[in-house]
Amino acid sequence: MAKQRESRWVKAVVSRIVRFVLWFVTKPDWKGTENVPARDGVIIATNHLSLVDPLTVAHFLYIGARRWPTFTMKDGVMKIPVVRSVAKSTGQIPVKRGTTDAVKALKEAELALTRDGSSVIFYPEGTCTRDPGLWPMSAKTGVARLALTTGVPVVPVAHWGEQHILPYGAKRPRLFPRKRLEFLAGPPVDLDRFRGKPLTSTLLKEATEVIMDDITGLQAKIRGEQPPAVRYDLKRARLDRAARDEGPAAGEGDGTATGAAE
């Protein structure tokens, strides 16, 4: 993840290709970019609507906020030869979900934030939302842990519109007509009351709720709607469905993108 392992020319080529493609299929509306620090490490915590999110979020961060986007990427994606080469050359972080390597990935993310001053993007939910109204779901605690151990700010970012390009579960994108994408970044999440305390499970869950509340509140502003009073819990929904069907619960995650490990 170190900066010296990144390739400037690969980053330049990739950014131009992404910008060119998204210019044809999207009409982005970016607000709150001034809330993203111009330098030093920052965690970008955002909701997850679609498999195209990584491109649109990266576009927002690189063009709108002038920060290079660094993602944690599922190891399976990194096994694709061209993707692997590009990801390594642009400083992306591989993650093997459900293994001890997930902890290693968090350590690399920590180094990226504290040593390299990178802007690292996380989907705290760990997968595309399954909430019927596409609101942010309950999240894993890894982002809160990383924020509290490194001391770097967490900037919440909400977005809306990618579901019109590629809804979750769809195989073919709807590229035309161009889709309007709305982004709103808020000020850093206030985690001061959690700092300097033992990182217990309860504390991390409370800090995670604060982060998700900020993301949800930003999305509510974009949509002009009221979010549900209770956040959708994917794990509980799967357990309830499995109990009804008297079968085993499905595994968590869809492999689309990785959040911080819990």
Protein backbone atom coordinates (compact mmCIF):
# COMPACT_ATOMS: atom_id res chain seq x y z
CA MET A 1 0.00 0.00 0.00
CA ALA A 2 3.00 2.25 0.36
CA LYS A 3 3.11 5.18 -1.99
CA GLN A 4 6.29 3.99 -3.63
CA ARG A 5 4.42 0.93 -4.93
CA GLU A 6 1.97 3.12 -6.81
CA SER A 7 2.42 4.02 -10.46
CA ARG A 8 1.65 7.59 -11.46
CA TRP A 9 1.11 6.74 -15.11
CA VAL A 10 -1.28 3.86 -14.30
CA LYS A 11 -3.24 6.16 -11.99
CA ALA A 12 -3.39 8.80 -14.71
CA VAL A 13 -4.62 6.33 -17.35
CA VAL A 14 -7.19 4.71 -15.06
CA SER A 15 -8.60 8.05 -13.90
CA ARG A 16 -9.00 9.25 -17.48
CA ILE A 17 -10.78 6.07 -18.57
CA VAL A 18 -13.19 6.21 -15.62
CA ARG A 19 -13.90 9.89 -16.17
CA PHE A 20 -14.56 9.30 -19.89
CA VAL A 21 -16.97 6.41 -19.28
CA LEU A 22 -18.87 8.10 -16.47
CA TRP A 23 -19.20 11.32 -18.44
CA PHE A 24 -21.29 9.41 -21.00
CA VAL A 25 -23.57 7.59 -18.57
CA THR A 26 -23.96 9.86 -15.52
CA LYS A 27 -24.83 13.41 -14.55
CA PRO A 28 -23.13 13.83 -11.17
CA ASP A 29 -24.14 16.42 -8.60
CA TRP A 30 -21.47 16.71 -5.90
CA LYS A 31 -22.00 18.67 -2.70
CA GLY A 32 -19.99 18.95 0.50
CA THR A 33 -16.60 18.31 -1.09
CA GLU A 34 -15.16 21.03 1.16
CA ASN A 35 -15.67 18.63 4.09
CA VAL A 36 -13.04 16.25 2.71
CA PRO A 37 -9.60 17.27 4.05
CA ALA A 38 -7.20 18.36 1.32
CA ARG A 39 -4.38 16.28 2.78
CA ASP A 40 -3.50 13.72 5.47
CA GLY A 41 -5.28 10.50 6.26
CA VAL A 42 -9.07 10.38 6.14
CA ILE A 43 -11.65 7.61 6.22
CA ILE A 44 -14.46 8.04 3.70
CA ALA A 45 -17.47 6.09 5.03
CA THR A 46 -20.26 5.70 2.52
CA ASN A 47 -23.42 3.75 1.79
CA HIS A 48 -23.53 0.94 -0.78
CA LEU A 49 -26.28 0.83 -3.42
CA SER A 50 -24.86 -0.96 -6.46
CA LEU A 51 -21.87 -2.75 -7.95
CA VAL A 52 -21.03 0.44 -9.82
CA ASP A 53 -20.52 2.36 -6.56
CA PRO A 54 -16.74 1.96 -6.51
CA LEU A 55 -16.47 3.83 -9.81
CA THR A 56 -18.88 6.62 -8.89
CA VAL A 57 -17.49 7.08 -5.38
CA ALA A 58 -13.94 7.14 -6.75
CA HIS A 59 -15.05 9.72 -9.33
CA PHE A 60 -16.57 11.89 -6.60
CA LEU A 61 -13.47 11.69 -4.43
CA TYR A 62 -10.87 12.17 -7.16
CA ILE A 63 -12.54 14.86 -9.26
CA GLY A 64 -14.85 16.48 -6.72
CA ALA A 65 -12.66 16.39 -3.61
CA ARG A 66 -9.24 16.15 -5.29
CA ARG A 67 -8.16 13.08 -3.31
CA TRP A 68 -6.92 9.80 -4.73
CA PRO A 69 -9.36 6.98 -3.80
CA THR A 70 -8.03 3.93 -2.01
CA PHE A 71 -10.36 0.94 -1.52
CA THR A 72 -10.21 -2.33 0.35
CA MET A 73 -10.98 -4.88 -2.37
CA LYS A 74 -12.23 -8.46 -2.13
CA ASP A 75 -9.42 -10.91 -2.79
CA GLY A 76 -11.44 -12.68 -5.48
CA VAL A 77 -11.53 -9.49 -7.52
CA MET A 78 -7.78 -9.12 -7.10
CA LYS A 79 -7.28 -12.54 -8.73
CA ILE A 80 -8.39 -11.18 -12.10
CA PRO A 81 -5.03 -10.54 -13.86
CA VAL A 82 -5.67 -7.08 -15.31
CA VAL A 83 -7.62 -5.90 -12.26
CA ARG A 84 -4.88 -7.19 -9.95
CA SER A 85 -2.17 -5.29 -11.80
CA VAL A 86 -4.16 -2.07 -11.90
CA ALA A 87 -5.20 -2.38 -8.24
CA LYS A 88 -1.64 -2.94 -7.06
CA SER A 89 -0.36 -0.07 -9.18
CA THR A 90 -2.97 2.30 -7.76
CA GLY A 91 -2.51 1.41 -4.08
CA GLN A 92 -5.68 -0.62 -3.48
CA ILE A 93 -5.80 -3.02 -0.50
CA PRO A 94 -6.77 -6.70 -0.97
CA VAL A 95 -8.97 -8.40 1.64
CA LYS A 96 -9.75 -12.07 2.16
CA ARG A 97 -13.07 -11.87 3.96
CA GLY A 98 -13.55 -14.24 6.88
CA THR A 99 -9.83 -14.97 7.37
CA THR A 100 -7.04 -13.63 9.49
CA ASP A 101 -5.91 -11.75 6.39
CA ALA A 102 -8.84 -9.40 6.97
CA VAL A 103 -6.99 -8.21 10.06
CA LYS A 104 -3.87 -7.78 7.93
CA ALA A 105 -5.89 -5.67 5.50
CA LEU A 106 -7.03 -3.43 8.34
CA LYS A 107 -3.40 -3.04 9.37
CA GLU A 108 -2.51 -2.01 5.81
CA ALA A 109 -5.40 0.44 5.83
CA GLU A 110 -4.08 1.84 9.10
CA LEU A 111 -0.64 2.35 7.54
CA ALA A 112 -2.21 3.96 4.49
CA LEU A 113 -4.02 6.42 6.76
CA THR A 114 -1.26 7.21 9.23
CA ARG A 115 1.94 6.75 7.22
CA ASP A 116 0.87 7.60 3.68
CA GLY A 117 -1.84 10.15 4.46
CA SER A 118 -4.26 8.36 2.13
CA SER A 119 -8.01 8.77 1.73
CA VAL A 120 -9.39 5.26 2.28
CA ILE A 121 -12.96 4.42 1.30
CA PHE A 122 -15.03 1.98 3.34
CA TYR A 123 -18.52 0.58 2.99
CA PRO A 124 -19.34 -0.02 6.68
CA GLU A 125 -22.29 -2.24 5.68
CA GLY A 126 -19.85 -4.58 3.90
CA THR A 127 -22.28 -5.28 1.06
CA CYS A 128 -25.00 -3.64 -1.05
CA THR A 129 -28.00 -2.63 1.00
CA ARG A 130 -30.93 -5.04 1.10
CA ASP A 131 -33.17 -2.54 2.84
CA PRO A 132 -36.45 -2.47 0.86
CA GLY A 133 -36.19 1.32 0.58
CA LEU A 134 -32.43 1.24 -0.16
CA TRP A 135 -31.55 2.97 3.12
CA PRO A 136 -28.22 2.17 4.82
CA MET A 137 -28.29 -1.03 6.87
CA SER A 138 -26.68 -2.02 10.15
CA ALA A 139 -22.90 -2.01 9.80
CA LYS A 140 -19.77 -3.77 10.96
CA THR A 141 -17.59 -2.12 13.58
CA GLY A 142 -14.25 -2.12 11.73
CA VAL A 143 -14.50 1.50 10.54
CA ALA A 144 -15.17 2.76 14.06
CA ARG A 145 -12.27 0.72 15.41
CA LEU A 146 -9.92 2.04 12.73
CA ALA A 147 -10.99 5.63 13.34
CA LEU A 148 -10.50 5.36 17.10
CA THR A 149 -7.13 3.61 16.90
CA THR A 150 -5.66 5.96 14.27
CA GLY A 151 -7.32 9.21 15.30
CA VAL A 152 -8.01 10.14 11.65
CA PRO A 153 -11.33 11.81 10.79
CA VAL A 154 -14.27 9.90 9.36
CA VAL A 155 -16.05 11.85 6.64
CA PRO A 156 -19.56 10.49 5.96
CA VAL A 157 -20.65 10.45 2.33
CA ALA A 158 -24.12 9.56 1.05
CA HIS A 159 -25.05 9.01 -2.58
CA TRP A 160 -28.15 8.18 -4.56
CA GLY A 161 -28.81 7.17 -8.17
CA GLU A 162 -26.51 4.22 -8.92
CA GLN A 163 -29.43 1.84 -8.41
CA HIS A 164 -30.87 3.20 -11.66
CA ILE A 165 -27.72 2.13 -13.52
CA LEU A 166 -27.32 -1.35 -12.04
CA PRO A 167 -29.77 -2.45 -9.34
CA TYR A 168 -28.48 -5.08 -6.93
CA GLY A 169 -28.93 -8.51 -8.51
CA ALA A 170 -29.20 -7.20 -12.08
CA LYS A 171 -26.71 -8.48 -14.65
CA ARG A 172 -27.02 -5.80 -17.32
CA PRO A 173 -26.49 -2.10 -16.62
CA ARG A 174 -28.95 0.52 -17.85
CA LEU A 175 -26.52 3.01 -19.33
CA PHE A 176 -28.86 5.33 -21.21
CA PRO A 177 -30.28 7.86 -20.80
CA ARG A 178 -27.63 9.37 -18.52
CA LYS A 179 -28.48 8.90 -14.87
CA ARG A 180 -28.37 11.69 -12.30
CA LEU A 181 -26.13 10.82 -9.35
CA GLU A 182 -26.27 12.89 -6.18
CA PHE A 183 -23.46 12.95 -3.61
CA LEU A 184 -23.35 14.74 -0.29
CA ALA A 185 -20.35 14.73 2.05
CA GLY A 186 -20.84 15.86 5.60
CA PRO A 187 -18.43 17.22 8.21
CA PRO A 188 -16.32 14.65 10.07
CA VAL A 189 -18.30 12.41 12.40
CA ASP A 190 -18.05 13.52 16.04
CA LEU A 191 -16.45 10.57 17.81
CA ASP A 192 -14.83 12.55 20.62
CA ARG A 193 -16.88 10.93 23.38
CA PHE A 194 -15.52 7.51 22.40
CA ARG A 195 -11.83 8.43 22.28
CA GLY A 196 -9.43 7.39 25.01
CA LYS A 197 -11.70 4.60 26.25
CA PRO A 198 -11.30 0.81 26.06
CA LEU A 199 -12.50 -0.45 22.67
CA THR A 200 -15.21 -2.73 23.98
CA SER A 201 -17.82 -4.31 21.75
CA THR A 202 -20.47 -1.99 23.17
CA LEU A 203 -18.41 1.14 22.56
CA LEU A 204 -17.57 0.12 18.99
CA LYS A 205 -21.21 -0.63 18.22
CA GLU A 206 -22.25 2.76 19.60
CA ALA A 207 -19.57 4.55 17.56
CA THR A 208 -20.63 2.62 14.47
CA GLU A 209 -24.25 3.71 14.98
CA VAL A 210 -23.13 7.34 15.13
CA ILE A 211 -21.27 6.94 11.82
CA MET A 212 -24.25 5.26 10.17
CA ASP A 213 -26.64 7.88 11.56
CA ASP A 214 -24.61 10.59 9.82
CA ILE A 215 -24.57 8.70 6.51
CA THR A 216 -28.29 8.00 6.74
CA GLY A 217 -29.04 11.62 7.60
CA LEU A 218 -27.13 12.79 4.55
CA GLN A 219 -29.00 10.39 2.30
CA ALA A 220 -32.29 11.59 3.78
CA LYS A 221 -31.34 15.14 2.76
CA ILE A 222 -30.58 14.00 -0.79
CA ARG A 223 -33.82 12.08 -1.10
CA GLY A 224 -36.01 14.50 0.82
CA GLU A 225 -37.47 11.54 2.70
CA GLN A 226 -37.60 10.20 6.24
CA PRO A 227 -35.47 7.09 6.88
CA PRO A 228 -36.85 4.11 8.83
CA ALA A 229 -36.83 4.42 12.63
CA VAL A 230 -35.00 1.08 12.88
CA ARG A 231 -32.07 0.24 10.62
CA TYR A 232 -32.39 -2.92 8.51
CA ASP A 233 -30.29 -5.77 9.95
CA LEU A 234 -29.24 -8.14 7.17
CA LYS A 235 -27.94 -10.85 9.49
CA ARG A 236 -31.13 -10.90 11.52
CA ALA A 237 -33.27 -10.90 8.38
CA ARG A 238 -31.40 -13.93 7.05
CA LEU A 239 -31.70 -15.78 10.34
CA ASP A 240 -35.42 -15.04 10.48
CA ARG A 241 -35.87 -16.23 6.91
CA ALA A 242 -33.85 -19.37 7.59
CA ALA A 243 -35.96 -20.08 10.66
CA ARG A 244 -39.14 -19.71 8.61
CA ASP A 245 -37.79 -21.96 5.89
CA GLU A 246 -36.30 -24.40 8.44
CA GLY A 247 -33.05 -24.26 6.51
CA PRO A 248 -29.51 -22.93 7.09
CA ALA A 249 -28.99 -19.17 6.97
CA ALA A 250 -27.17 -17.90 3.92
CA GLY A 251 -23.63 -16.55 4.38
CA GLU A 252 -23.17 -12.86 4.80
CA GLY A 253 -21.94 -10.54 2.08
CA ASP A 254 -22.26 -10.66 -1.67
CA GLY A 255 -18.63 -10.24 -2.63
CA THR A 256 -19.29 -6.92 -4.32
CA ALA A 257 -17.07 -4.81 -2.10
CA THR A 258 -15.56 -5.09 1.32
CA GLY A 259 -16.04 -2.97 4.35
CA ALA A 260 -13.82 -3.03 7.39
CA ALA A 261 -13.78 -6.36 9.18
CA GLU A 262 -15.79 -6.55 12.37
